[in-house]
Protein backbone atom coordinates (compact mmCIF):
# COMPACT_ATOMS: atom_id res chain seq x y z
CA MET A 1 -23.03 -27.48 -7.81
CA ALA A 2 -23.39 -23.98 -6.19
CA ALA A 3 -19.72 -23.47 -6.09
CA ARG A 4 -19.78 -22.44 -9.83
CA ARG A 5 -21.94 -19.47 -9.00
CA LEU A 6 -19.13 -18.23 -6.46
CA SER A 7 -16.02 -18.78 -8.91
CA LYS A 8 -16.69 -15.21 -10.50
CA SER A 9 -15.27 -13.42 -7.57
CA THR A 10 -12.13 -14.95 -6.09
CA ILE A 11 -9.83 -13.26 -3.54
CA ASP A 12 -6.07 -13.53 -3.73
CA TRP A 13 -5.56 -14.36 -0.11
CA THR A 14 -1.79 -14.61 -0.24
CA LYS A 15 -1.51 -11.12 -1.88
CA LEU A 16 -3.90 -9.64 0.99
CA GLN A 17 -1.94 -11.26 3.76
CA LYS A 18 1.19 -9.79 2.34
CA ALA A 19 -0.48 -6.40 1.92
CA LEU A 20 -1.77 -6.35 5.64
CA PRO A 21 0.57 -5.17 8.40
CA GLN A 22 1.60 -7.66 11.01
CA ASP A 23 -0.82 -6.12 13.57
CA GLN A 24 -3.69 -6.90 11.40
CA GLN A 25 -3.12 -10.59 10.64
CA VAL A 26 -5.72 -11.56 13.21
CA ILE A 27 -8.35 -9.66 11.13
CA TYR A 28 -7.15 -11.52 8.06
CA ASN A 29 -7.34 -14.84 9.67
CA ASN A 30 -10.91 -14.02 10.71
CA LEU A 31 -11.91 -12.96 7.38
CA LEU A 32 -10.44 -16.02 5.75
CA ALA A 33 -12.40 -18.33 8.12
CA LYS A 34 -15.47 -16.58 7.61
CA SER A 35 -15.10 -16.60 3.68
CA TYR A 36 -14.34 -20.41 3.98
CA GLN A 37 -17.52 -20.97 5.95
CA TYR A 38 -19.55 -19.06 3.66
CA THR A 39 -18.08 -20.69 0.53
CA SER A 40 -18.51 -24.10 2.10
CA ARG A 41 -22.10 -23.51 3.13
CA ILE A 42 -23.05 -22.14 -0.34
CA ALA A 43 -21.24 -25.07 -2.06
CA SER A 44 -23.19 -27.47 0.28
CA LEU A 45 -26.55 -26.23 -1.07
CA PRO A 46 -28.18 -27.54 -4.26
CA GLU A 47 -28.00 -25.30 -7.14
CA ASN A 48 -31.76 -25.36 -8.06
CA LEU A 49 -34.70 -25.29 -5.61
CA PRO A 50 -35.81 -28.67 -4.55
CA LYS A 51 -38.73 -30.25 -6.48
CA ILE A 52 -41.99 -30.33 -4.79
CA ASP A 53 -44.74 -32.99 -5.63
CA PHE A 54 -47.62 -30.53 -6.03
CA GLU A 55 -49.70 -33.45 -7.33
CA ALA A 56 -49.55 -35.26 -4.00
CA TYR A 57 -51.04 -31.95 -2.28
CA ARG A 58 -53.65 -31.46 -4.85
CA LYS A 59 -55.18 -34.90 -4.10
CA GLN A 60 -55.13 -34.15 -0.33
CA LEU A 61 -56.88 -30.86 -0.23
CA ALA A 62 -60.41 -30.04 -1.12
CA ASN A 63 -59.63 -26.86 -2.93
CA PRO A 64 -56.92 -27.45 -5.52
CA SER A 65 -56.61 -23.91 -6.80
CA ALA A 66 -54.57 -22.90 -3.63
CA ILE A 67 -52.02 -25.29 -4.50
CA GLU A 68 -51.91 -24.06 -8.12
CA LYS A 69 -51.34 -20.49 -6.83
CA LEU A 70 -48.50 -22.04 -4.67
CA GLU A 71 -47.14 -24.05 -7.58
CA LYS A 72 -46.93 -21.07 -9.82
CA GLY A 73 -45.25 -18.79 -7.29
CA TYR A 74 -42.87 -21.18 -6.53
CA LEU A 75 -41.87 -22.12 -10.11
CA ALA A 76 -41.72 -18.44 -10.91
CA LEU A 77 -39.27 -17.68 -8.10
CA GLN A 78 -35.99 -16.52 -9.37
CA VAL A 79 -33.34 -15.28 -7.01
CA PRO A 80 -31.11 -13.13 -9.17
CA PHE A 81 -27.39 -12.95 -8.67
CA PRO A 82 -26.51 -9.77 -6.79
CA LYS A 83 -25.78 -6.81 -9.08
CA ASP A 84 -23.01 -3.95 -8.40
CA ASN A 85 -25.57 -1.25 -9.09
CA GLU A 86 -23.32 1.33 -7.41
CA ASN A 87 -20.23 0.06 -9.33
CA VAL A 88 -18.33 -0.55 -5.99
CA LEU A 89 -15.97 -2.97 -7.70
CA SER A 90 -14.86 -0.52 -10.24
CA LYS A 91 -14.33 2.09 -7.48
CA ILE A 92 -12.31 -0.32 -5.54
CA ASN A 93 -10.21 -1.30 -8.61
CA GLN A 94 -9.82 2.62 -9.27
CA SER A 95 -8.65 3.11 -5.62
CA GLU A 96 -6.15 0.21 -5.89
CA LYS A 97 -4.72 1.73 -9.10
CA GLU A 98 -4.27 5.04 -7.26
CA GLU A 99 -2.68 3.46 -4.26
CA HIS A 100 -0.24 1.40 -6.52
CA ALA A 101 0.80 4.78 -8.17
CA ARG A 102 1.11 6.43 -4.64
CA LEU A 103 3.02 3.44 -3.45
CA ALA A 104 5.35 3.39 -6.44
CA GLU A 105 6.07 7.24 -5.78
CA PHE A 106 6.76 6.54 -2.02
CA LEU A 107 9.05 3.57 -2.90
CA LYS A 108 10.88 5.76 -5.41
CA GLN A 109 11.28 8.42 -2.64
CA ILE A 110 12.50 5.90 -0.18
CA HIS A 111 15.05 4.55 -2.53
CA GLN A 112 16.53 7.94 -3.20
CA THR A 113 16.77 8.49 0.51
CA ILE A 114 18.49 5.12 1.00
CA GLU A 115 20.94 5.90 -1.78
CA ALA A 116 21.72 9.26 -0.20
CA LEU A 117 22.25 7.62 3.03
CA LYS A 118 24.38 4.96 1.60
CA SER A 119 26.61 7.74 0.12
CA GLU A 120 26.65 9.45 3.52
CA LYS A 121 27.67 6.19 5.40
CA PHE A 122 30.32 5.65 2.75
CA LYS A 123 31.64 9.16 3.31
CA LEU A 124 31.56 8.84 7.16
CA THR A 125 33.25 5.37 7.19
CA ASN A 126 36.10 6.68 5.01
CA ILE A 127 36.93 10.00 6.78
CA PRO A 128 40.68 10.57 7.09
CA PRO A 129 42.39 10.44 10.45
CA LEU A 130 42.02 13.36 12.65
CA GLU A 131 45.77 14.26 12.39
CA GLU A 132 45.48 14.45 8.45
CA MET A 133 42.27 16.43 8.51
CA THR A 134 42.48 19.94 6.79
CA MET A 135 40.03 22.59 6.81
CA GLU A 136 38.94 21.83 3.21
CA LEU A 137 38.57 18.05 4.11
CA GLU A 138 36.48 18.99 7.15
CA ALA A 139 34.21 21.31 5.10
CA TYR A 140 33.80 18.31 2.71
CA TYR A 141 32.92 15.86 5.35
CA PHE A 142 30.96 18.09 7.61
CA PRO A 143 29.01 20.41 5.13
CA GLU A 144 26.92 21.64 8.09
CA LYS A 145 30.12 23.49 9.18
CA ARG A 146 30.73 25.18 5.91
CA ASP A 147 29.56 28.59 7.08
CA VAL A 148 31.96 28.51 10.09
CA TYR A 149 34.89 27.90 7.71
CA LYS A 150 33.59 30.52 5.19
CA SER A 151 33.68 33.22 7.79
CA ILE A 152 37.22 32.10 8.89
CA VAL A 153 38.45 32.01 5.42
CA GLU A 154 36.85 35.41 4.47
CA GLU A 155 38.36 37.06 7.62
CA GLU A 156 40.94 39.74 6.77
CA ASP A 157 44.62 38.21 7.10
CA PRO A 158 46.73 40.93 8.88
CA TYR A 159 49.94 39.61 7.28
CA ALA A 160 48.37 39.80 3.71
CA LYS A 161 47.12 43.34 4.43
CA ILE A 162 50.59 44.55 5.49
CA LEU A 163 52.09 43.08 2.23
CA GLU A 164 49.41 44.79 0.37
CA ASP A 165 50.05 48.11 2.09
CA LYS A 166 53.84 47.81 1.49
CA LYS A 167 53.04 47.40 -2.35
CA LYS A 168 50.96 50.49 -2.27
CA GLY A 169 53.57 52.48 -0.35
CA HIS A 170 52.03 52.67 3.05
CA HIS A 171 54.32 51.93 5.95
CA HIS A 172 53.11 50.25 9.26
CA HIS A 173 54.86 50.78 12.62
């Protein structure tokens, strides 16, 4: 049957369906239906051209040489299987490999983001009660506020300055 001629190029339809986003499933269904129609149409055709009884036509015509030309042309007719002259299939395969590499890198980045968010969630779900919160804990749990705390911590402590001055022998009034 003609189906053998088509068996070389098969499409993994389930893989394609999983790869397509939800809003493109209609395109997938149309493509699948058209492919099925094409495959069944090709399968219904005979593998070889039908045999023609050229002898019967020779007997009916006064000039049999016209029939001989037709017979030679008909028997010489060979329809070659289409060739991939532009190497499109290998380009598609190469593109698929590149996309797989990009997808793997993307998934790796997403996984890292998920892990970072999980640790952030853990931190936020385990914040100590407000009455137990110290500046150090607040700086740990809310790193975006560290600059505020840093400026507070680095401010000059007037009491510490008085003590320092007393050690040096200066007196304040």
